[in-house]
Amino acid sequence: MIAGYDYLTLRWRRAGFWSRTRIAACALLITGGILTGIGVAYYGYAGDARASLPKLEVKAAEIAPVSIPVATVDQPDPVSQEFIPEASVYSGDAGEVPQEFYLNLPQGFEVISPSADNPLPQVAPATRMSISLLGIDSNVVELSIMDLGDRRAYETPKNTIGHIPETADAGEQGSGWYFGHTESPILDEGSVFFNLQQVADELRIGRDVDIITDNGTEQFLYRVTGARVVHEDDLKLETGDGSSIHLVSCVPRLVYDHRLIVDADLIARRSSS
């Protein structure tokens, strides 16, 4: 009787073992299927997202012209007289931009035209940047270099805009480079440049996208001239003879292997209020 009981108990245990093994195997198969499906879906999404990157780019030739009133000798245009100095034109990589590039400046800003004969003085680094049309308004910090053992790299800006200190400060001659996250779902470092993806659409319909930097003493206004996308391995911190800034964020969303670069040129300044 006892032997029979032990035999039945052993069978039940073996049956339980194989039952648990089958359940575990099924769970693994289901998990593997789910992960495979997610991988395939992500691969498809990434391909579509990369294919849409050209929509984020806009060149000077694609920017819609600004509608301006026609001035006459008897009735001069007060806006153009106030904001457009005589023979003042913007000159950049895309060639000359008409004088209307300087129209529609915010109140208090005065046009400046830096050149070799009229260089910009050295100024304090910007501590704040805003792009009102895109709803961007953030502190600016100088990024530090981190030692990663086999290499060195700049720290990532956390919930703020980061300036590469070796590049020009806002308001100075040369090119200034500023970085910010499109989003940071894993590290939770903010999404200060999320709306930067709207620049191309705004320019194509003729809206001025103005970037204003503030160092506590002076504010400098940069007008966006274009946007471009490059692969992360092809990003280079270029410099130029004029005064420009370049805003950089990672695209496309959830892939982040390309960089959106928004280019803007200095056109005006005013004292900080």
Protein backbone atom coordinates (compact mmCIF):
# COMPACT_ATOMS: atom_id res chain seq x y z
CA MET A 1 0.00 0.00 0.00
CA ILE A 2 2.76 2.38 0.91
CA ALA A 3 4.69 1.46 -2.24
CA GLY A 4 1.61 2.15 -4.36
CA TYR A 5 1.18 5.55 -2.72
CA ASP A 6 4.83 6.46 -3.41
CA TYR A 7 4.41 5.39 -7.03
CA LEU A 8 1.39 7.61 -7.51
CA THR A 9 3.11 10.55 -5.82
CA LEU A 10 6.12 10.15 -8.10
CA ARG A 11 3.88 10.11 -11.17
CA TRP A 12 2.10 13.25 -10.03
CA ARG A 13 5.39 15.02 -9.46
CA ARG A 14 6.67 14.01 -12.87
CA ALA A 15 3.42 15.10 -14.44
CA GLY A 16 3.67 18.43 -12.62
CA PHE A 17 7.26 18.88 -13.79
CA TRP A 18 6.40 18.30 -17.42
CA SER A 19 3.34 20.50 -17.10
CA ARG A 20 5.45 23.38 -15.74
CA THR A 21 8.04 22.77 -18.47
CA ARG A 22 5.38 22.98 -21.16
CA ILE A 23 4.00 26.18 -19.65
CA ALA A 24 7.49 27.72 -19.52
CA ALA A 25 8.17 26.66 -23.12
CA CYS A 26 4.90 28.17 -24.28
CA ALA A 27 5.65 31.36 -22.39
CA LEU A 28 9.05 31.60 -24.05
CA LEU A 29 7.52 31.03 -27.48
CA ILE A 30 4.88 33.68 -26.88
CA THR A 31 7.48 36.14 -25.55
CA GLY A 32 9.74 35.46 -28.51
CA GLY A 33 6.87 36.00 -30.91
CA ILE A 34 5.95 39.30 -29.25
CA LEU A 35 9.56 40.51 -29.32
CA THR A 36 9.92 39.50 -32.95
CA GLY A 37 6.75 41.36 -33.82
CA ILE A 38 7.95 44.45 -31.98
CA GLY A 39 11.30 44.23 -33.78
CA VAL A 40 9.66 43.95 -37.19
CA ALA A 41 7.28 46.81 -36.40
CA TYR A 42 10.14 49.03 -35.17
CA TYR A 43 12.22 48.20 -38.24
CA GLY A 44 9.31 49.23 -40.45
CA TYR A 45 8.70 52.39 -38.44
CA ALA A 46 12.38 53.35 -38.56
CA GLY A 47 12.42 52.96 -42.34
CA ASP A 48 9.33 55.14 -42.76
CA ALA A 49 10.67 57.72 -40.29
CA ARG A 50 13.98 58.01 -42.13
CA ALA A 51 12.15 58.30 -45.45
CA SER A 52 10.23 61.32 -44.12
CA LEU A 53 13.35 63.22 -42.98
CA PRO A 54 13.54 65.35 -46.18
CA LYS A 55 10.30 67.02 -45.04
CA LEU A 56 12.28 68.59 -42.19
CA GLU A 57 14.66 70.29 -44.61
CA VAL A 58 14.15 73.63 -46.29
CA LYS A 59 16.52 75.75 -48.39
CA ALA A 60 16.51 79.49 -49.01
CA ALA A 61 14.93 79.01 -52.44
CA GLU A 62 11.94 77.22 -50.84
CA ILE A 63 11.19 79.95 -48.30
CA ALA A 64 8.01 81.79 -49.25
CA PRO A 65 8.52 85.50 -50.00
CA VAL A 66 7.31 88.00 -47.43
CA SER A 67 4.47 90.23 -48.58
CA ILE A 68 5.48 93.87 -48.04
CA PRO A 69 3.79 97.17 -48.88
CA VAL A 70 5.07 99.16 -51.82
CA ALA A 71 6.70 102.42 -50.77
CA THR A 72 6.46 105.58 -52.88
CA VAL A 73 8.43 108.81 -52.86
CA ASP A 74 5.46 110.81 -51.58
CA GLN A 75 4.39 108.20 -49.03
CA PRO A 76 7.47 106.33 -47.78
CA ASP A 77 7.01 103.08 -45.94
CA PRO A 78 7.65 103.86 -42.23
CA VAL A 79 8.43 100.25 -41.41
CA SER A 80 11.10 99.90 -44.05
CA GLN A 81 12.58 103.31 -43.16
CA GLU A 82 12.81 102.37 -39.51
CA PHE A 83 14.24 98.88 -39.86
CA ILE A 84 16.12 98.74 -43.18
CA PRO A 85 19.34 100.76 -43.30
CA GLU A 86 20.35 102.00 -46.72
CA ALA A 87 22.09 99.35 -48.87
CA SER A 88 21.72 96.79 -46.08
CA VAL A 89 21.41 93.26 -47.43
CA TYR A 90 22.00 89.82 -46.02
CA SER A 91 24.73 87.78 -47.64
CA GLY A 92 25.01 84.05 -47.00
CA ASP A 93 25.75 80.72 -48.62
CA ALA A 94 22.55 80.91 -50.65
CA GLY A 95 23.44 84.34 -52.06
CA GLU A 96 21.87 87.73 -51.44
CA VAL A 97 18.54 87.90 -49.70
CA PRO A 98 16.34 90.96 -50.40
CA GLN A 99 16.05 93.77 -47.89
CA GLU A 100 12.64 92.51 -46.77
CA PHE A 101 14.61 89.87 -44.85
CA TYR A 102 15.00 92.60 -42.22
CA LEU A 103 11.32 93.46 -41.94
CA ASN A 104 9.02 92.60 -39.05
CA LEU A 105 11.57 92.94 -36.29
CA PRO A 106 10.24 92.79 -32.71
CA GLN A 107 9.97 96.13 -30.95
CA GLY A 108 13.23 97.67 -29.80
CA PHE A 109 15.57 95.68 -32.05
CA GLU A 110 18.00 97.54 -34.26
CA VAL A 111 19.48 96.07 -37.42
CA ILE A 112 23.17 95.31 -37.35
CA SER A 113 25.31 94.36 -40.34
CA PRO A 114 28.58 92.84 -39.13
CA SER A 115 31.43 92.81 -41.63
CA ALA A 116 35.20 92.79 -41.80
CA ASP A 117 35.11 96.60 -41.51
CA ASN A 118 32.52 96.48 -38.74
CA PRO A 119 33.34 93.42 -36.59
CA LEU A 120 31.24 92.43 -33.61
CA PRO A 121 32.74 92.94 -30.14
CA GLN A 122 33.22 90.05 -27.73
CA VAL A 123 30.16 89.50 -25.54
CA ALA A 124 29.11 87.35 -22.60
CA PRO A 125 27.68 83.88 -23.36
CA ALA A 126 23.91 83.58 -23.75
CA THR A 127 22.03 82.33 -20.71
CA ARG A 128 18.60 82.06 -22.36
CA MET A 129 17.16 81.36 -25.79
CA SER A 130 13.62 81.67 -27.10
CA ILE A 131 11.80 80.95 -30.36
CA SER A 132 8.33 82.32 -29.71
CA LEU A 133 6.80 81.00 -32.94
CA LEU A 134 7.69 77.44 -31.90
CA GLY A 135 6.99 77.82 -28.19
CA ILE A 136 10.63 77.29 -27.24
CA ASP A 137 12.00 79.17 -24.21
CA SER A 138 14.88 77.69 -22.22
CA ASN A 139 17.99 78.39 -20.21
CA VAL A 140 21.33 77.95 -21.98
CA VAL A 141 24.32 76.30 -20.31
CA GLU A 142 27.91 75.74 -21.39
CA LEU A 143 28.52 72.04 -21.99
CA SER A 144 31.44 70.31 -20.30
CA ILE A 145 33.66 67.61 -21.77
CA MET A 146 33.35 64.15 -20.16
CA ASP A 147 36.18 61.61 -20.00
CA LEU A 148 34.77 58.26 -21.16
CA GLY A 149 38.03 56.33 -20.84
CA ASP A 150 38.83 55.55 -24.46
CA ARG A 151 37.32 58.78 -25.72
CA ARG A 152 36.03 62.20 -24.69
CA ALA A 153 32.66 63.70 -25.49
CA TYR A 154 30.48 66.66 -24.54
CA GLU A 155 27.87 66.05 -21.89
CA THR A 156 24.25 65.97 -23.04
CA PRO A 157 22.08 68.94 -22.06
CA LYS A 158 19.54 67.99 -19.40
CA ASN A 159 16.23 69.85 -19.69
CA THR A 160 18.03 72.82 -21.20
CA ILE A 161 19.89 74.03 -24.30
CA GLY A 162 23.62 73.34 -24.35
CA HIS A 163 26.24 75.52 -26.03
CA ILE A 164 29.54 74.14 -27.29
CA PRO A 165 31.93 76.57 -25.54
CA GLU A 166 34.63 76.30 -28.23
CA THR A 167 32.22 77.84 -30.76
CA ALA A 168 31.18 81.49 -31.00
CA ASP A 169 28.93 82.99 -28.35
CA ALA A 170 25.63 84.48 -29.47
CA GLY A 171 26.28 88.02 -30.74
CA GLU A 172 29.88 87.34 -31.72
CA GLN A 173 31.55 86.88 -35.07
CA GLY A 174 31.61 83.24 -36.18
CA SER A 175 29.31 80.26 -35.76
CA GLY A 176 27.75 79.20 -32.46
CA TRP A 177 26.46 75.65 -31.98
CA TYR A 178 23.62 74.79 -29.61
CA PHE A 179 22.23 71.33 -28.80
CA GLY A 180 18.96 70.20 -27.25
CA HIS A 181 16.91 67.01 -27.02
CA THR A 182 13.99 66.31 -29.32
CA GLU A 183 12.87 63.98 -26.55
CA SER A 184 14.50 61.71 -23.99
CA PRO A 185 12.09 58.89 -23.07
CA ILE A 186 14.73 56.73 -21.34
CA LEU A 187 17.04 59.21 -19.57
CA ASP A 188 14.27 61.79 -19.01
CA GLU A 189 16.49 64.72 -20.04
CA GLY A 190 13.66 66.79 -21.50
CA SER A 191 12.41 67.72 -24.96
CA VAL A 192 13.48 71.35 -25.26
CA PHE A 193 13.90 71.17 -29.06
CA PHE A 194 10.87 68.98 -29.80
CA ASN A 195 9.14 71.72 -31.83
CA LEU A 196 12.26 72.44 -33.86
CA GLN A 197 10.84 69.95 -36.38
CA GLN A 198 8.22 72.59 -37.32
CA VAL A 199 10.77 75.04 -38.76
CA ALA A 200 10.55 73.84 -42.37
CA ASP A 201 6.74 74.07 -42.44
CA GLU A 202 6.78 77.59 -40.98
CA LEU A 203 9.34 78.83 -43.51
CA ARG A 204 7.50 77.34 -46.47
CA ILE A 205 4.38 79.36 -45.67
CA GLY A 206 6.37 82.58 -45.34
CA ARG A 207 6.63 83.01 -41.59
CA ASP A 208 9.77 84.47 -40.04
CA VAL A 209 11.31 82.13 -37.48
CA ASP A 210 13.29 84.32 -35.09
CA ILE A 211 15.69 83.05 -32.46
CA ILE A 212 16.40 85.48 -29.61
CA THR A 213 19.33 84.95 -27.25
CA ASP A 214 19.82 86.85 -24.00
CA ASN A 215 23.01 87.17 -21.95
CA GLY A 216 21.50 89.43 -19.29
CA THR A 217 22.81 92.61 -20.90
CA GLU A 218 21.97 92.32 -24.58
CA GLN A 219 19.57 90.33 -26.71
CA PHE A 220 20.50 89.18 -30.20
CA LEU A 221 18.01 88.25 -32.89
CA TYR A 222 18.86 85.56 -35.41
CA ARG A 223 16.55 84.90 -38.35
CA VAL A 224 16.35 81.30 -39.58
CA THR A 225 17.59 80.83 -43.15
CA GLY A 226 17.12 77.09 -43.55
CA ALA A 227 17.10 73.60 -42.04
CA ARG A 228 18.96 70.45 -43.03
CA VAL A 229 19.34 66.85 -41.89
CA VAL A 230 22.59 64.88 -41.73
CA HIS A 231 23.49 61.43 -40.43
CA GLU A 232 24.96 61.49 -36.93
CA ASP A 233 28.34 60.34 -38.31
CA ASP A 234 28.42 63.25 -40.76
CA LEU A 235 27.79 66.05 -38.26
CA LYS A 236 30.57 68.65 -38.32
CA LEU A 237 30.74 71.90 -36.36
CA GLU A 238 31.26 74.24 -39.29
CA THR A 239 32.27 77.87 -38.94
CA GLY A 240 31.83 80.90 -41.18
CA ASP A 241 32.92 84.49 -41.66
CA GLY A 242 29.61 86.03 -40.60
CA SER A 243 27.66 85.68 -37.38
CA SER A 244 25.38 82.66 -37.24
CA ILE A 245 24.01 80.06 -34.87
CA HIS A 246 23.07 76.45 -35.52
CA LEU A 247 20.55 74.52 -33.43
CA VAL A 248 20.89 70.73 -33.37
CA SER A 249 18.53 67.97 -32.24
CA CYS A 250 18.22 64.23 -32.86
CA VAL A 251 15.75 62.89 -35.44
CA PRO A 252 13.65 60.97 -36.31
CA ARG A 253 11.69 60.24 -33.16
CA LEU A 254 12.52 56.95 -31.43
CA VAL A 255 15.37 56.33 -33.89
CA TYR A 256 17.67 59.33 -33.31
CA ASP A 257 20.41 58.42 -35.81
CA HIS A 258 20.22 61.71 -37.75
CA ARG A 259 20.65 65.33 -36.73
CA LEU A 260 18.33 68.21 -37.62
CA ILE A 261 20.34 71.42 -38.01
CA VAL A 262 18.54 74.77 -38.07
CA ASP A 263 20.68 77.63 -39.43
CA ALA A 264 20.12 81.27 -38.56
CA ASP A 265 21.95 84.56 -39.12
CA LEU A 266 22.32 87.54 -36.82
CA ILE A 267 20.36 90.58 -38.00
CA ALA A 268 19.51 92.71 -34.94
CA ARG A 269 20.10 93.40 -31.26
CA ARG A 270 18.65 95.36 -28.34
CA SER A 271 19.39 95.92 -24.68
CA SER A 272 17.91 93.43 -22.24
CA SER A 273 14.93 94.84 -20.36
